[in-house]
Amino acid sequence: MKNNKNLLPLYFNSLRFIVAGPGSGKTLVIVKRIIHFVNNEILKLLC
C-alpha cells in the first residue's frame, strides 16, 4: 500500500505536465479518458 501512495504525487505531477503541455481538443479527450481509467484503477488498489 505504501508504494501506491508514493506513486500518487508522481501521477499528479505527470497530469500537470500533460495538461500544461501543448495539446489540441483531441488529446485532451484522450487524456481525460486515461485519467478516468487510471483513477478507477487507483481506487481498486486502495480499497
N, C-alpha and C. Protein backbone atom coordinates (compact mmCIF):
# COMPACT_ATOMS: atom_id res chain seq x y z
N MET A 1 0.82 -1.20 0.00
CA MET A 1 0.00 0.00 0.00
C MET A 1 0.86 1.27 0.00
N LYS A 2 1.98 1.22 0.74
CA LYS A 2 2.86 2.40 0.79
C LYS A 2 3.36 2.77 -0.60
N ASN A 3 3.69 1.76 -1.40
CA ASN A 3 4.19 2.02 -2.74
C ASN A 3 3.15 2.76 -3.58
N ASN A 4 1.89 2.37 -3.45
CA ASN A 4 0.82 3.03 -4.20
C ASN A 4 0.71 4.50 -3.80
N LYS A 5 0.81 4.78 -2.51
CA LYS A 5 0.70 6.17 -2.06
C LYS A 5 1.88 7.00 -2.54
N ASN A 6 3.05 6.38 -2.64
CA ASN A 6 4.23 7.11 -3.15
C ASN A 6 4.07 7.44 -4.62
N LEU A 7 3.30 6.64 -5.34
CA LEU A 7 3.11 6.87 -6.77
C LEU A 7 2.13 8.02 -7.04
N LEU A 8 1.27 8.32 -6.10
CA LEU A 8 0.26 9.35 -6.34
C LEU A 8 0.85 10.72 -6.68
N PRO A 9 1.85 11.24 -5.93
CA PRO A 9 2.43 12.54 -6.30
C PRO A 9 3.02 12.52 -7.71
N LEU A 10 3.69 11.44 -8.05
CA LEU A 10 4.27 11.31 -9.39
C LEU A 10 3.17 11.34 -10.44
N TYR A 11 2.08 10.65 -10.15
CA TYR A 11 0.93 10.59 -11.05
C TYR A 11 0.36 11.98 -11.29
N PHE A 12 0.17 12.74 -10.19
CA PHE A 12 -0.41 14.07 -10.33
C PHE A 12 0.55 15.03 -11.02
N ASN A 13 1.85 14.87 -10.79
CA ASN A 13 2.84 15.71 -11.48
C ASN A 13 2.79 15.47 -12.97
N SER A 14 2.66 14.20 -13.37
CA SER A 14 2.59 13.88 -14.80
C SER A 14 1.30 14.44 -15.39
N LEU A 15 0.22 14.45 -14.62
CA LEU A 15 -1.04 15.02 -15.10
C LEU A 15 -0.86 16.50 -15.38
N ARG A 16 -0.21 17.21 -14.46
CA ARG A 16 0.01 18.65 -14.63
C ARG A 16 0.84 18.90 -15.88
N PHE A 17 1.85 18.07 -16.09
CA PHE A 17 2.72 18.22 -17.25
C PHE A 17 1.92 18.04 -18.54
N ILE A 18 1.06 17.01 -18.57
CA ILE A 18 0.26 16.72 -19.76
C ILE A 18 -0.71 17.88 -20.03
N VAL A 19 -1.37 18.34 -18.96
CA VAL A 19 -2.36 19.41 -19.13
C VAL A 19 -1.68 20.72 -19.53
N ALA A 20 -0.51 20.99 -18.95
CA ALA A 20 0.20 22.24 -19.23
C ALA A 20 0.83 22.22 -20.62
N GLY A 21 1.15 21.02 -21.11
CA GLY A 21 1.80 20.90 -22.41
C GLY A 21 0.87 21.30 -23.54
N PRO A 22 1.45 21.51 -24.72
CA PRO A 22 0.64 21.88 -25.88
C PRO A 22 -0.26 20.72 -26.27
N GLY A 23 -1.56 20.98 -26.32
CA GLY A 23 -2.48 19.91 -26.67
C GLY A 23 -3.70 20.45 -27.37
N SER A 24 -4.19 19.67 -28.32
CA SER A 24 -5.41 20.06 -29.02
C SER A 24 -6.60 19.47 -28.27
N GLY A 25 -7.80 19.73 -28.74
CA GLY A 25 -9.00 19.19 -28.11
C GLY A 25 -8.98 17.67 -28.09
N LYS A 26 -8.47 17.08 -29.18
CA LYS A 26 -8.44 15.61 -29.27
C LYS A 26 -7.60 15.00 -28.17
N THR A 27 -6.40 15.54 -27.96
CA THR A 27 -5.53 14.96 -26.93
C THR A 27 -6.15 15.13 -25.56
N LEU A 28 -6.85 16.24 -25.33
CA LEU A 28 -7.49 16.45 -24.03
C LEU A 28 -8.53 15.38 -23.77
N VAL A 29 -9.30 15.02 -24.79
CA VAL A 29 -10.33 13.98 -24.64
C VAL A 29 -9.66 12.66 -24.29
N ILE A 30 -8.57 12.33 -24.99
CA ILE A 30 -7.85 11.08 -24.74
C ILE A 30 -7.29 11.09 -23.32
N VAL A 31 -6.69 12.22 -22.93
CA VAL A 31 -6.11 12.33 -21.58
C VAL A 31 -7.18 12.15 -20.53
N LYS A 32 -8.34 12.76 -20.75
CA LYS A 32 -9.44 12.63 -19.78
C LYS A 32 -9.85 11.18 -19.63
N ARG A 33 -9.90 10.44 -20.74
CA ARG A 33 -10.26 9.02 -20.67
C ARG A 33 -9.22 8.24 -19.89
N ILE A 34 -7.94 8.55 -20.14
CA ILE A 34 -6.85 7.86 -19.43
C ILE A 34 -6.94 8.18 -17.94
N ILE A 35 -7.16 9.46 -17.61
CA ILE A 35 -7.26 9.86 -16.20
C ILE A 35 -8.39 9.11 -15.53
N HIS A 36 -9.53 9.04 -16.20
CA HIS A 36 -10.69 8.35 -15.63
C HIS A 36 -10.37 6.88 -15.38
N PHE A 37 -9.73 6.25 -16.36
CA PHE A 37 -9.36 4.84 -16.22
C PHE A 37 -8.37 4.64 -15.08
N VAL A 38 -7.34 5.47 -15.04
CA VAL A 38 -6.30 5.34 -14.01
C VAL A 38 -6.88 5.60 -12.63
N ASN A 39 -7.77 6.59 -12.52
CA ASN A 39 -8.41 6.86 -11.23
C ASN A 39 -9.16 5.64 -10.74
N ASN A 40 -9.88 4.97 -11.64
CA ASN A 40 -10.61 3.75 -11.26
C ASN A 40 -9.65 2.68 -10.78
N GLU A 41 -8.51 2.53 -11.47
CA GLU A 41 -7.53 1.52 -11.09
C GLU A 41 -6.94 1.84 -9.72
N ILE A 42 -6.67 3.12 -9.46
CA ILE A 42 -6.11 3.53 -8.17
C ILE A 42 -7.11 3.22 -7.06
N LEU A 43 -8.39 3.52 -7.31
CA LEU A 43 -9.41 3.24 -6.30
C LEU A 43 -9.48 1.75 -6.00
N LYS A 44 -9.35 0.92 -7.03
CA LYS A 44 -9.36 -0.54 -6.82
C LYS A 44 -8.18 -0.96 -5.95
N LEU A 45 -7.03 -0.35 -6.19
CA LEU A 45 -5.83 -0.72 -5.42
C LEU A 45 -5.95 -0.28 -3.97
N LEU A 46 -6.51 0.91 -3.75
CA LEU A 46 -6.59 1.45 -2.39
C LEU A 46 -7.69 0.77 -1.56
N CYS A 47 -8.75 0.34 -2.22
CA CYS A 47 -9.85 -0.29 -1.48
C CYS A 47 -9.52 -1.72 -1.10
